[in-house]
């Protein structure tokens, strides 16, 4: 254990939202267990001040950019990111050295139960991934729902339900748990007094990296401080995240793309990992890459295999998805 009286104080940087602060407190607690003291440095990001939809302002990196700039300038030592918000491209100056143990990867429907989703119920979400899967579920179940684009932090979105602006919202279980908002009892789940239902992965796959934190540092950080941060890494969580983000990166898609993915490490065999990858991809994805494609039921993928490189595992299977989408788009234009 490090002597906290002599160890340098690690400056943890993140957004100033209640959830971001809760995530920093979680990391600070893990460091404290190892005798490492830390302090919080709040950073205001583009995503916090621009009220437009994420798809309008670029999505990728709008929450992480300013925090990463603080790393480069030396204002902070460690950036605490929601991994799903972090761009998939490597940065020459920065490095994710730890991904702590993952929280619940599922989503939660707040305000209504699944059984009540019909008759034009309005469901708020800012994620095309969630909209894609909700609309596909409704189509298969013969339900009529309206998906409404919303923005704001967790409390703002819960306020939209309380005010009747929307009938329900979909939020990440990880964030609700970290905030202490999700209560699961014998009579069902609630979120701050609102009825809720945790959605199974068979209905709603998460964003790549959802439920995981990324601890990013400058490559110039002192080795001693780097080792303190690296000690928080969970090997299984990090491998799963690499597979999911490798999949997303090969699709050349960002955090606002209509893509859900969940990788699971089933076992470790020597230097190889036994991996499964389940994904859902909107057929409009190619409209971000080349010629627009006609919308239709999403493409679904379920694969497994051994790999020594989880990122390559994800990228390889994404290449197959791209080939399928491109073939379908070419046939539609013939």
C-alpha atoms as a PDB file:
ATOM      1  CA  UNK A   1       0.000   0.000   0.000  1.00  0.00           C
ATOM      2  CA  UNK A   2       1.192   3.495  -0.822  1.00  0.00           C
ATOM      3  CA  UNK A   3       1.856   5.956   2.015  1.00  0.00           C
ATOM      4  CA  UNK A   4      -0.849   8.562   1.290  1.00  0.00           C
ATOM      5  CA  UNK A   5       1.024  11.184   3.314  1.00  0.00           C
ATOM      6  CA  UNK A   6       3.860  11.233   0.785  1.00  0.00           C
ATOM      7  CA  UNK A   7       2.180  10.031  -2.446  1.00  0.00           C
ATOM      8  CA  UNK A   8       1.257  12.680  -5.030  1.00  0.00           C
ATOM      9  CA  UNK A   9      -2.416  13.659  -5.193  1.00  0.00           C
ATOM     10  CA  UNK A  10      -3.993  12.259  -8.369  1.00  0.00           C
ATOM     11  CA  UNK A  11      -6.216  14.818 -10.094  1.00  0.00           C
ATOM     12  CA  UNK A  12      -9.286  13.040 -11.512  1.00  0.00           C
ATOM     13  CA  UNK A  13     -11.022  14.974 -14.290  1.00  0.00           C
ATOM     14  CA  UNK A  14     -14.541  14.477 -15.607  1.00  0.00           C
ATOM     15  CA  UNK A  15     -17.732  16.289 -16.522  1.00  0.00           C
ATOM     16  CA  UNK A  16     -19.593  18.050 -13.731  1.00  0.00           C
ATOM     17  CA  UNK A  17     -22.912  16.188 -14.081  1.00  0.00           C
ATOM     18  CA  UNK A  18     -24.147  14.219 -11.051  1.00  0.00           C
ATOM     19  CA  UNK A  19     -23.467  10.924 -12.837  1.00  0.00           C
ATOM     20  CA  UNK A  20     -19.940  11.924 -13.881  1.00  0.00           C
ATOM     21  CA  UNK A  21     -19.237  12.976 -10.306  1.00  0.00           C
ATOM     22  CA  UNK A  22     -20.589   9.665  -8.985  1.00  0.00           C
ATOM     23  CA  UNK A  23     -18.259   7.838 -11.353  1.00  0.00           C
ATOM     24  CA  UNK A  24     -15.278   9.879 -10.172  1.00  0.00           C
ATOM     25  CA  UNK A  25     -16.225   9.110  -6.561  1.00  0.00           C
ATOM     26  CA  UNK A  26     -16.262   5.412  -7.452  1.00  0.00           C
ATOM     27  CA  UNK A  27     -12.743   5.621  -8.910  1.00  0.00           C
ATOM     28  CA  UNK A  28     -11.538   7.729  -5.977  1.00  0.00           C
ATOM     29  CA  UNK A  29     -12.831   5.043  -3.625  1.00  0.00           C
ATOM     30  CA  UNK A  30     -10.966   2.302  -5.502  1.00  0.00           C
ATOM     31  CA  UNK A  31      -7.774   4.358  -5.351  1.00  0.00           C
ATOM     32  CA  UNK A  32      -8.273   5.078  -1.646  1.00  0.00           C
ATOM     33  CA  UNK A  33      -8.499   1.326  -0.985  1.00  0.00           C
ATOM     34  CA  UNK A  34      -4.970   1.171  -2.389  1.00  0.00           C
ATOM     35  CA  UNK A  35      -3.796   4.097  -0.283  1.00  0.00           C
ATOM     36  CA  UNK A  36      -3.796   6.590  -3.159  1.00  0.00           C
ATOM     37  CA  UNK A  37      -5.296  10.031  -2.524  1.00  0.00           C
ATOM     38  CA  UNK A  38      -7.125  11.939  -5.252  1.00  0.00           C
ATOM     39  CA  UNK A  39      -9.087  15.101  -5.932  1.00  0.00           C
ATOM     40  CA  UNK A  40     -11.813  15.985  -8.423  1.00  0.00           C
ATOM     41  CA  UNK A  41     -11.373  18.556 -11.214  1.00  0.00           C
ATOM     42  CA  UNK A  42     -14.601  19.401 -13.068  1.00  0.00           C
ATOM     43  CA  UNK A  43     -14.549  20.041 -16.826  1.00  0.00           C
ATOM     44  CA  UNK A  44     -17.338  21.564 -18.915  1.00  0.00           C
ATOM     45  CA  UNK A  45     -17.686  19.831 -22.288  1.00  0.00           C
ATOM     46  CA  UNK A  46     -19.255  20.773 -25.605  1.00  0.00           C
ATOM     47  CA  UNK A  47     -22.032  18.261 -25.006  1.00  0.00           C
ATOM     48  CA  UNK A  48     -22.926  20.015 -21.743  1.00  0.00           C
ATOM     49  CA  UNK A  49     -23.451  23.469 -23.279  1.00  0.00           C
ATOM     50  CA  UNK A  50     -24.863  22.642 -26.739  1.00  0.00           C
ATOM     51  CA  UNK A  51     -28.529  21.720 -26.441  1.00  0.00           C
ATOM     52  CA  UNK A  52     -28.908  20.291 -29.937  1.00  0.00           C
ATOM     53  CA  UNK A  53     -29.380  16.567 -30.535  1.00  0.00           C
ATOM     54  CA  UNK A  54     -26.130  14.600 -30.391  1.00  0.00           C
ATOM     55  CA  UNK A  55     -26.628  13.501 -33.991  1.00  0.00           C
ATOM     56  CA  UNK A  56     -26.589  17.193 -34.977  1.00  0.00           C
ATOM     57  CA  UNK A  57     -23.438  18.200 -33.116  1.00  0.00           C
ATOM     58  CA  UNK A  58     -21.398  15.173 -34.132  1.00  0.00           C
ATOM     59  CA  UNK A  59     -21.996  12.760 -31.273  1.00  0.00           C
ATOM     60  CA  UNK A  60     -18.530  11.224 -31.133  1.00  0.00           C
ATOM     61  CA  UNK A  61     -16.318  12.923 -28.570  1.00  0.00           C
ATOM     62  CA  UNK A  62     -18.665  15.780 -27.642  1.00  0.00           C
ATOM     63  CA  UNK A  63     -18.508  14.754 -23.976  1.00  0.00           C
ATOM     64  CA  UNK A  64     -14.915  13.515 -23.951  1.00  0.00           C
ATOM     65  CA  UNK A  65     -13.096  16.184 -26.007  1.00  0.00           C
ATOM     66  CA  UNK A  66     -12.692  18.863 -23.352  1.00  0.00           C
ATOM     67  CA  UNK A  67     -11.711  16.323 -20.695  1.00  0.00           C
ATOM     68  CA  UNK A  68      -9.025  14.943 -23.019  1.00  0.00           C
ATOM     69  CA  UNK A  69      -7.781  18.478 -23.678  1.00  0.00           C
ATOM     70  CA  UNK A  70      -7.368  18.887 -19.911  1.00  0.00           C
ATOM     71  CA  UNK A  71      -5.157  15.780 -19.939  1.00  0.00           C
ATOM     72  CA  UNK A  72      -2.996  17.178 -22.715  1.00  0.00           C
ATOM     73  CA  UNK A  73      -2.587  20.522 -20.961  1.00  0.00           C
ATOM     74  CA  UNK A  74      -1.659  18.883 -17.659  1.00  0.00           C
ATOM     75  CA  UNK A  75      -4.699  20.276 -15.822  1.00  0.00           C
ATOM     76  CA  UNK A  76      -5.646  16.750 -14.757  1.00  0.00           C
ATOM     77  CA  UNK A  77      -3.772  13.451 -14.354  1.00  0.00           C
ATOM     78  CA  UNK A  78      -6.579  10.991 -15.092  1.00  0.00           C
ATOM     79  CA  UNK A  79      -9.694  11.370 -17.212  1.00  0.00           C
ATOM     80  CA  UNK A  80     -12.678   9.366 -15.976  1.00  0.00           C
ATOM     81  CA  UNK A  81     -14.857   8.647 -19.008  1.00  0.00           C
ATOM     82  CA  UNK A  82     -17.975   6.650 -19.673  1.00  0.00           C
ATOM     83  CA  UNK A  83     -16.283   4.301 -22.124  1.00  0.00           C
ATOM     84  CA  UNK A  84     -19.197   4.412 -24.567  1.00  0.00           C
ATOM     85  CA  UNK A  85     -18.622   8.178 -25.014  1.00  0.00           C
ATOM     86  CA  UNK A  86     -14.943   7.805 -25.915  1.00  0.00           C
ATOM     87  CA  UNK A  87     -13.937   7.875 -29.626  1.00  0.00           C
ATOM     88  CA  UNK A  88     -12.665   4.503 -30.828  1.00  0.00           C
ATOM     89  CA  UNK A  89      -9.583   5.886 -32.651  1.00  0.00           C
ATOM     90  CA  UNK A  90      -6.279   5.737 -30.767  1.00  0.00           C
ATOM     91  CA  UNK A  91      -4.790   9.053 -29.651  1.00  0.00           C
ATOM     92  CA  UNK A  92      -0.996   9.457 -30.000  1.00  0.00           C
ATOM     93  CA  UNK A  93      -0.754  11.465 -26.762  1.00  0.00           C
ATOM     94  CA  UNK A  94      -3.216   9.579 -24.571  1.00  0.00           C
ATOM     95  CA  UNK A  95      -3.797   6.024 -23.402  1.00  0.00           C
ATOM     96  CA  UNK A  96      -6.604   4.144 -21.663  1.00  0.00           C
ATOM     97  CA  UNK A  97      -4.643   2.193 -19.060  1.00  0.00           C
ATOM     98  CA  UNK A  98      -7.524   0.840 -17.007  1.00  0.00           C
ATOM     99  CA  UNK A  99     -11.121  -0.259 -17.439  1.00  0.00           C
ATOM    100  CA  UNK A 100     -12.452  -1.173 -13.969  1.00  0.00           C
ATOM    101  CA  UNK A 101     -15.007  -3.914 -13.360  1.00  0.00           C
ATOM    102  CA  UNK A 102     -18.112  -3.270 -15.438  1.00  0.00           C
ATOM    103  CA  UNK A 103     -21.529  -2.319 -14.098  1.00  0.00           C
ATOM    104  CA  UNK A 104     -24.860  -3.655 -15.398  1.00  0.00           C
ATOM    105  CA  UNK A 105     -24.853  -3.319 -19.207  1.00  0.00           C
ATOM    106  CA  UNK A 106     -28.636  -3.329 -19.617  1.00  0.00           C
ATOM    107  CA  UNK A 107     -31.065  -0.480 -20.240  1.00  0.00           C
ATOM    108  CA  UNK A 108     -34.086   0.444 -18.129  1.00  0.00           C
ATOM    109  CA  UNK A 109     -37.516   1.572 -19.295  1.00  0.00           C
ATOM    110  CA  UNK A 110     -38.741   4.219 -16.838  1.00  0.00           C
ATOM    111  CA  UNK A 111     -42.356   5.441 -16.629  1.00  0.00           C
ATOM    112  CA  UNK A 112     -44.092   2.451 -18.193  1.00  0.00           C
ATOM    113  CA  UNK A 113     -43.738  -1.321 -18.354  1.00  0.00           C
ATOM    114  CA  UNK A 114     -43.228  -3.183 -21.623  1.00  0.00           C
ATOM    115  CA  UNK A 115     -46.805  -4.455 -21.383  1.00  0.00           C
ATOM    116  CA  UNK A 116     -48.024  -0.835 -21.437  1.00  0.00           C
ATOM    117  CA  UNK A 117     -46.154   0.152 -24.595  1.00  0.00           C
ATOM    118  CA  UNK A 118     -48.920   0.503 -27.140  1.00  0.00           C
ATOM    119  CA  UNK A 119     -51.475   2.985 -28.420  1.00  0.00           C
ATOM    120  CA  UNK A 120     -48.912   5.574 -29.469  1.00  0.00           C
ATOM    121  CA  UNK A 121     -47.050   5.752 -26.154  1.00  0.00           C
ATOM    122  CA  UNK A 122     -44.266   8.342 -26.416  1.00  0.00           C
ATOM    123  CA  UNK A 123     -40.819   7.031 -25.433  1.00  0.00           C
ATOM    124  CA  UNK A 124     -37.921   9.454 -25.054  1.00  0.00           C
ATOM    125  CA  UNK A 125     -34.343   8.599 -25.959  1.00  0.00           C
ATOM    126  CA  UNK A 126     -31.395  10.390 -27.520  1.00  0.00           C
ATOM    127  CA  UNK A 127     -29.825   7.189 -28.862  1.00  0.00           C
ATOM    128  CA  UNK A 128     -30.530   5.934 -32.402  1.00  0.00           C
ATOM    129  CA  UNK A 129     -29.468   2.498 -31.118  1.00  0.00           C
ATOM    130  CA  UNK A 130     -32.326   2.451 -28.618  1.00  0.00           C
ATOM    131  CA  UNK A 131     -34.807   3.897 -31.108  1.00  0.00           C
ATOM    132  CA  UNK A 132     -33.857   1.212 -33.637  1.00  0.00           C
ATOM    133  CA  UNK A 133     -34.434  -1.639 -31.191  1.00  0.00           C
ATOM    134  CA  UNK A 134     -37.614  -0.203 -29.687  1.00  0.00           C
ATOM    135  CA  UNK A 135     -39.176   0.284 -33.116  1.00  0.00           C
ATOM    136  CA  UNK A 136     -38.102  -3.190 -34.220  1.00  0.00           C
ATOM    137  CA  UNK A 137     -39.580  -4.717 -31.065  1.00  0.00           C
ATOM    138  CA  UNK A 138     -42.844  -2.801 -31.555  1.00  0.00           C
ATOM    139  CA  UNK A 139     -43.059  -3.906 -35.185  1.00  0.00           C
ATOM    140  CA  UNK A 140     -42.543  -7.572 -34.266  1.00  0.00           C
ATOM    141  CA  UNK A 141     -45.018  -7.379 -31.371  1.00  0.00           C
ATOM    142  CA  UNK A 142     -47.633  -5.454 -33.343  1.00  0.00           C
ATOM    143  CA  UNK A 143     -47.431  -2.473 -30.971  1.00  0.00           C
ATOM    144  CA  UNK A 144     -47.735   1.210 -31.831  1.00  0.00           C
ATOM    145  CA  UNK A 145     -45.171   3.474 -30.147  1.00  0.00           C
ATOM    146  CA  UNK A 146     -43.635   6.857 -30.904  1.00  0.00           C
ATOM    147  CA  UNK A 147     -39.941   7.353 -30.205  1.00  0.00           C
ATOM    148  CA  UNK A 148     -39.132  10.976 -29.310  1.00  0.00           C
ATOM    149  CA  UNK A 149     -35.608  12.465 -29.363  1.00  0.00           C
ATOM    150  CA  UNK A 150     -34.633  13.921 -25.974  1.00  0.00           C
ATOM    151  CA  UNK A 151     -31.472  15.385 -24.396  1.00  0.00           C
ATOM    152  CA  UNK A 152     -30.319  16.083 -20.870  1.00  0.00           C
ATOM    153  CA  UNK A 153     -28.865  14.351 -17.840  1.00  0.00           C
ATOM    154  CA  UNK A 154     -30.632  11.587 -15.921  1.00  0.00           C
ATOM    155  CA  UNK A 155     -32.675  13.917 -13.700  1.00  0.00           C
ATOM    156  CA  UNK A 156     -33.719  16.055 -16.667  1.00  0.00           C
ATOM    157  CA  UNK A 157     -34.999  12.985 -18.508  1.00  0.00           C
ATOM    158  CA  UNK A 158     -36.859  11.717 -15.463  1.00  0.00           C
ATOM    159  CA  UNK A 159     -38.436  15.169 -15.258  1.00  0.00           C
ATOM    160  CA  UNK A 160     -39.784  14.731 -18.789  1.00  0.00           C
ATOM    161  CA  UNK A 161     -41.714  11.693 -17.586  1.00  0.00           C
ATOM    162  CA  UNK A 162     -43.004  13.429 -14.464  1.00  0.00           C
ATOM    163  CA  UNK A 163     -44.200  16.421 -16.500  1.00  0.00           C
ATOM    164  CA  UNK A 164     -45.956  14.238 -19.070  1.00  0.00           C
ATOM    165  CA  UNK A 165     -43.753  15.483 -21.914  1.00  0.00           C
ATOM    166  CA  UNK A 166     -43.113  11.814 -22.679  1.00  0.00           C
ATOM    167  CA  UNK A 167     -44.679   8.674 -21.240  1.00  0.00           C
ATOM    168  CA  UNK A 168     -41.380   6.889 -20.660  1.00  0.00           C
ATOM    169  CA  UNK A 169     -37.637   7.178 -21.167  1.00  0.00           C
ATOM    170  CA  UNK A 170     -34.905   4.592 -21.632  1.00  0.00           C
ATOM    171  CA  UNK A 171     -31.795   5.016 -19.471  1.00  0.00           C
ATOM    172  CA  UNK A 172     -28.666   2.969 -18.805  1.00  0.00           C
ATOM    173  CA  UNK A 173     -28.930   0.712 -15.756  1.00  0.00           C
ATOM    174  CA  UNK A 174     -25.274   1.407 -14.944  1.00  0.00           C
ATOM    175  CA  UNK A 175     -25.851   5.117 -14.473  1.00  0.00           C
ATOM    176  CA  UNK A 176     -29.015   4.591 -12.449  1.00  0.00           C
ATOM    177  CA  UNK A 177     -27.218   2.143 -10.168  1.00  0.00           C
ATOM    178  CA  UNK A 178     -24.223   4.427  -9.681  1.00  0.00           C
ATOM    179  CA  UNK A 179     -26.560   7.261  -8.731  1.00  0.00           C
ATOM    180  CA  UNK A 180     -28.501   5.001  -6.370  1.00  0.00           C
ATOM    181  CA  UNK A 181     -31.718   5.633  -8.300  1.00  0.00           C
ATOM    182  CA  UNK A 182     -32.694   2.072  -9.277  1.00  0.00           C
ATOM    183  CA  UNK A 183     -34.648   0.134  -6.659  1.00  0.00           C
ATOM    184  CA  UNK A 184     -35.511  -3.488  -7.440  1.00  0.00           C
ATOM    185  CA  UNK A 185     -37.984  -5.072  -5.033  1.00  0.00           C
ATOM    186  CA  UNK A 186     -40.339  -8.034  -5.026  1.00  0.00           C
ATOM    187  CA  UNK A 187     -43.094  -5.828  -6.441  1.00  0.00           C
ATOM    188  CA  UNK A 188     -40.978  -4.655  -9.369  1.00  0.00           C
ATOM    189  CA  UNK A 189     -38.445  -1.961 -10.128  1.00  0.00           C
ATOM    190  CA  UNK A 190     -38.745   1.765  -9.568  1.00  0.00           C
ATOM    191  CA  UNK A 191     -36.520   4.729 -10.377  1.00  0.00           C
ATOM    192  CA  UNK A 192     -36.977   7.583  -7.920  1.00  0.00           C
ATOM    193  CA  UNK A 193     -40.611   6.603  -7.421  1.00  0.00           C
ATOM    194  CA  UNK A 194     -41.372   6.052 -11.122  1.00  0.00           C
ATOM    195  CA  UNK A 195     -42.310   2.556 -12.334  1.00  0.00           C
ATOM    196  CA  UNK A 196     -39.483   0.899 -14.241  1.00  0.00           C
ATOM    197  CA  UNK A 197     -38.531  -2.307 -16.024  1.00  0.00           C
ATOM    198  CA  UNK A 198     -35.021  -3.579 -16.685  1.00  0.00           C
ATOM    199  CA  UNK A 199     -34.835  -4.636 -20.333  1.00  0.00           C
ATOM    200  CA  UNK A 200     -33.240  -7.936 -21.263  1.00  0.00           C
ATOM    201  CA  UNK A 201     -30.398  -8.065 -23.766  1.00  0.00           C
ATOM    202  CA  UNK A 202     -32.629 -10.067 -26.106  1.00  0.00           C
ATOM    203  CA  UNK A 203     -34.710  -6.899 -26.542  1.00  0.00           C
ATOM    204  CA  UNK A 204     -32.151  -4.117 -26.079  1.00  0.00           C
ATOM    205  CA  UNK A 205     -28.436  -4.584 -26.701  1.00  0.00           C
ATOM    206  CA  UNK A 206     -26.221  -1.904 -25.109  1.00  0.00           C
ATOM    207  CA  UNK A 207     -23.926   0.590 -26.757  1.00  0.00           C
ATOM    208  CA  UNK A 208     -20.385  -0.765 -27.180  1.00  0.00           C
ATOM    209  CA  UNK A 209     -18.632  -0.152 -23.869  1.00  0.00           C
ATOM    210  CA  UNK A 210     -21.831   0.631 -21.962  1.00  0.00           C
ATOM    211  CA  UNK A 211     -21.530   0.122 -18.213  1.00  0.00           C
ATOM    212  CA  UNK A 212     -17.736   0.435 -18.284  1.00  0.00           C
ATOM    213  CA  UNK A 213     -15.483   3.312 -17.261  1.00  0.00           C
ATOM    214  CA  UNK A 214     -12.307   4.250 -19.112  1.00  0.00           C
ATOM    215  CA  UNK A 215      -9.404   5.687 -17.138  1.00  0.00           C
ATOM    216  CA  UNK A 216      -7.281   7.629 -19.587  1.00  0.00           C
ATOM    217  CA  UNK A 217      -3.907   9.276 -18.956  1.00  0.00           C
ATOM    218  CA  UNK A 218      -1.263  11.201 -20.860  1.00  0.00           C
ATOM    219  CA  UNK A 219       1.550   8.980 -22.078  1.00  0.00           C
ATOM    220  CA  UNK A 220       3.912  11.383 -20.287  1.00  0.00           C
ATOM    221  CA  UNK A 221       2.408  10.714 -16.843  1.00  0.00           C
ATOM    222  CA  UNK A 222       4.981   9.674 -14.248  1.00  0.00           C
ATOM    223  CA  UNK A 223       5.417   5.863 -14.112  1.00  0.00           C
ATOM    224  CA  UNK A 224       4.478   5.696 -10.424  1.00  0.00           C
ATOM    225  CA  UNK A 225       1.170   7.487 -11.039  1.00  0.00           C
ATOM    226  CA  UNK A 226       0.505   5.422 -14.150  1.00  0.00           C
ATOM    227  CA  UNK A 227       0.896   2.224 -12.120  1.00  0.00           C
ATOM    228  CA  UNK A 228      -1.629   3.441  -9.532  1.00  0.00           C
ATOM    229  CA  UNK A 229      -4.218   3.888 -12.278  1.00  0.00           C
ATOM    230  CA  UNK A 230      -3.313   0.671 -14.094  1.00  0.00           C
ATOM    231  CA  UNK A 231      -3.911  -1.303 -10.884  1.00  0.00           C
ATOM    232  CA  UNK A 232      -7.664  -0.614 -11.255  1.00  0.00           C
ATOM    233  CA  UNK A 233      -7.892  -2.509 -14.556  1.00  0.00           C
ATOM    234  CA  UNK A 234     -10.189  -5.515 -14.805  1.00  0.00           C
ATOM    235  CA  UNK A 235      -8.784  -7.840 -17.470  1.00  0.00           C
ATOM    236  CA  UNK A 236     -12.113  -9.403 -18.476  1.00  0.00           C
ATOM    237  CA  UNK A 237     -13.982  -6.099 -18.684  1.00  0.00           C
ATOM    238  CA  UNK A 238     -11.150  -4.544 -20.698  1.00  0.00           C
ATOM    239  CA  UNK A 239     -11.112  -7.473 -23.141  1.00  0.00           C
ATOM    240  CA  UNK A 240     -14.876  -7.301 -23.658  1.00  0.00           C
ATOM    241  CA  UNK A 241     -14.659  -3.554 -24.221  1.00  0.00           C
ATOM    242  CA  UNK A 242     -11.866  -3.994 -26.774  1.00  0.00           C
ATOM    243  CA  UNK A 243     -13.964  -6.481 -28.747  1.00  0.00           C
ATOM    244  CA  UNK A 244     -17.022  -4.208 -28.757  1.00  0.00           C
ATOM    245  CA  UNK A 245     -15.049  -1.094 -29.635  1.00  0.00           C
ATOM    246  CA  UNK A 246     -13.078  -2.941 -32.313  1.00  0.00           C
ATOM    247  CA  UNK A 247     -16.405  -3.875 -33.853  1.00  0.00           C
ATOM    248  CA  UNK A 248     -17.626  -0.262 -33.711  1.00  0.00           C
ATOM    249  CA  UNK A 249     -14.345   1.151 -35.036  1.00  0.00           C
ATOM    250  CA  UNK A 250     -14.336  -1.122 -38.082  1.00  0.00           C
ATOM    251  CA  UNK A 251     -17.869   0.028 -38.884  1.00  0.00           C
ATOM    252  CA  UNK A 252     -16.466   3.580 -38.754  1.00  0.00           C
ATOM    253  CA  UNK A 253     -19.374   4.419 -36.486  1.00  0.00           C
ATOM    254  CA  UNK A 254     -19.520   6.562 -33.372  1.00  0.00           C
ATOM    255  CA  UNK A 255     -21.484   6.548 -30.132  1.00  0.00           C
ATOM    256  CA  UNK A 256     -24.593   7.929 -31.878  1.00  0.00           C
ATOM    257  CA  UNK A 257     -24.679   5.205 -34.556  1.00  0.00           C
ATOM    258  CA  UNK A 258     -27.555   2.694 -34.647  1.00  0.00           C
ATOM    259  CA  UNK A 259     -25.298  -0.075 -33.324  1.00  0.00           C
ATOM    260  CA  UNK A 260     -25.611  -2.211 -30.204  1.00  0.00           C
ATOM    261  CA  UNK A 261     -23.031  -4.793 -29.172  1.00  0.00           C
ATOM    262  CA  UNK A 262     -22.180  -6.987 -26.206  1.00  0.00           C
ATOM    263  CA  UNK A 263     -19.080  -9.155 -25.981  1.00  0.00           C
ATOM    264  CA  UNK A 264     -18.612 -11.750 -23.249  1.00  0.00           C
ATOM    265  CA  UNK A 265     -15.433 -13.562 -22.238  1.00  0.00           C
ATOM    266  CA  UNK A 266     -16.627 -17.121 -21.563  1.00  0.00           C
ATOM    267  CA  UNK A 267     -13.248 -18.508 -20.560  1.00  0.00           C
ATOM    268  CA  UNK A 268      -9.493 -18.022 -20.874  1.00  0.00           C
ATOM    269  CA  UNK A 269      -7.434 -20.710 -22.609  1.00  0.00           C
ATOM    270  CA  UNK A 270      -3.761 -19.934 -22.236  1.00  0.00           C
ATOM    271  CA  UNK A 271      -3.202 -16.676 -24.123  1.00  0.00           C
ATOM    272  CA  UNK A 272      -6.527 -16.984 -25.972  1.00  0.00           C
ATOM    273  CA  UNK A 273      -9.961 -15.772 -24.939  1.00  0.00           C
ATOM    274  CA  UNK A 274     -13.165 -17.674 -25.677  1.00  0.00           C
ATOM    275  CA  UNK A 275     -15.384 -14.793 -26.803  1.00  0.00           C
ATOM    276  CA  UNK A 276     -18.977 -14.323 -27.854  1.00  0.00           C
ATOM    277  CA  UNK A 277     -20.224 -11.211 -29.619  1.00  0.00           C
ATOM    278  CA  UNK A 278     -23.877 -10.296 -30.077  1.00  0.00           C
ATOM    279  CA  UNK A 279     -24.739  -7.207 -32.108  1.00  0.00           C
ATOM    280  CA  UNK A 280     -27.557  -5.308 -33.775  1.00  0.00           C
ATOM    281  CA  UNK A 281     -26.895  -2.903 -36.648  1.00  0.00           C
ATOM    282  CA  UNK A 282     -29.326  -0.508 -38.296  1.00  0.00           C
ATOM    283  CA  UNK A 283     -29.457  -0.872 -42.062  1.00  0.00           C
ATOM    284  CA  UNK A 284     -29.214   2.925 -42.351  1.00  0.00           C
ATOM    285  CA  UNK A 285     -25.604   2.739 -41.115  1.00  0.00           C
ATOM    286  CA  UNK A 286     -24.287   2.924 -44.670  1.00  0.00           C
ATOM    287  CA  UNK A 287     -25.915   6.318 -45.113  1.00  0.00           C
ATOM    288  CA  UNK A 288     -23.124   7.586 -42.859  1.00  0.00           C
ATOM    289  CA  UNK A 289     -20.478   5.892 -44.980  1.00  0.00           C
ATOM    290  CA  UNK A 290     -21.533   6.036 -48.631  1.00  0.00           C
ATOM    291  CA  UNK A 291     -24.815   5.993 -50.522  1.00  0.00           C
ATOM    292  CA  UNK A 292     -27.980   5.955 -48.384  1.00  0.00           C
ATOM    293  CA  UNK A 293     -29.455   2.523 -47.835  1.00  0.00           C
ATOM    294  CA  UNK A 294     -33.143   1.718 -47.511  1.00  0.00           C
ATOM    295  CA  UNK A 295     -34.214   1.147 -43.923  1.00  0.00           C
ATOM    296  CA  UNK A 296     -35.562  -2.220 -42.878  1.00  0.00           C
ATOM    297  CA  UNK A 297     -35.309  -4.690 -40.017  1.00  0.00           C
ATOM    298  CA  UNK A 298     -31.909  -4.384 -38.342  1.00  0.00           C
ATOM    299  CA  UNK A 299     -29.124  -6.799 -39.117  1.00  0.00           C
ATOM    300  CA  UNK A 300     -28.337  -9.115 -36.189  1.00  0.00           C
ATOM    301  CA  UNK A 301     -25.113 -10.946 -35.446  1.00  0.00           C
ATOM    302  CA  UNK A 302     -24.215 -13.662 -32.955  1.00  0.00           C
ATOM    303  CA  UNK A 303     -20.742 -15.203 -33.161  1.00  0.00           C
ATOM    304  CA  UNK A 304     -18.193 -16.914 -30.949  1.00  0.00           C
ATOM    305  CA  UNK A 305     -14.578 -17.963 -31.222  1.00  0.00           C
ATOM    306  CA  UNK A 306     -11.089 -17.973 -29.756  1.00  0.00           C
ATOM    307  CA  UNK A 307      -8.870 -14.915 -30.100  1.00  0.00           C
ATOM    308  CA  UNK A 308      -5.678 -13.529 -28.605  1.00  0.00           C
ATOM    309  CA  UNK A 309      -6.678 -10.025 -29.724  1.00  0.00           C
ATOM    310  CA  UNK A 310     -10.245  -8.998 -28.754  1.00  0.00           C
ATOM    311  CA  UNK A 311     -10.106  -5.813 -30.837  1.00  0.00           C
ATOM    312  CA  UNK A 312      -9.239  -7.789 -33.968  1.00  0.00           C
ATOM    313  CA  UNK A 313     -12.012 -10.265 -33.131  1.00  0.00           C
ATOM    314  CA  UNK A 314     -14.552  -7.450 -33.132  1.00  0.00           C
ATOM    315  CA  UNK A 315     -13.117  -5.810 -36.254  1.00  0.00           C
ATOM    316  CA  UNK A 316     -13.112  -9.053 -38.237  1.00  0.00           C
ATOM    317  CA  UNK A 317     -16.794  -9.665 -37.614  1.00  0.00           C
ATOM    318  CA  UNK A 318     -17.621  -6.036 -38.368  1.00  0.00           C
ATOM    319  CA  UNK A 319     -16.011  -6.497 -41.782  1.00  0.00           C
ATOM    320  CA  UNK A 320     -18.514  -9.252 -42.482  1.00  0.00           C
ATOM    321  CA  UNK A 321     -21.371  -6.964 -41.441  1.00  0.00           C
ATOM    322  CA  UNK A 322     -20.134  -4.202 -43.743  1.00  0.00           C
ATOM    323  CA  UNK A 323     -19.935  -6.627 -46.649  1.00  0.00           C
ATOM    324  CA  UNK A 324     -23.538  -7.715 -46.043  1.00  0.00           C
ATOM    325  CA  UNK A 325     -24.797  -4.135 -45.806  1.00  0.00           C
ATOM    326  CA  UNK A 326     -22.897  -3.053 -48.890  1.00  0.00           C
ATOM    327  CA  UNK A 327     -24.201  -6.027 -50.862  1.00  0.00           C
ATOM    328  CA  UNK A 328     -27.772  -5.259 -49.836  1.00  0.00           C
ATOM    329  CA  UNK A 329     -27.328  -1.579 -50.743  1.00  0.00           C
ATOM    330  CA  UNK A 330     -25.928  -2.484 -54.176  1.00  0.00           C
ATOM    331  CA  UNK A 331     -28.836  -4.842 -54.864  1.00  0.00           C
ATOM    332  CA  UNK A 332     -31.332  -2.171 -53.868  1.00  0.00           C
ATOM    333  CA  UNK A 333     -29.838   0.281 -56.390  1.00  0.00           C
ATOM    334  CA  UNK A 334     -29.616  -2.195 -59.313  1.00  0.00           C
END
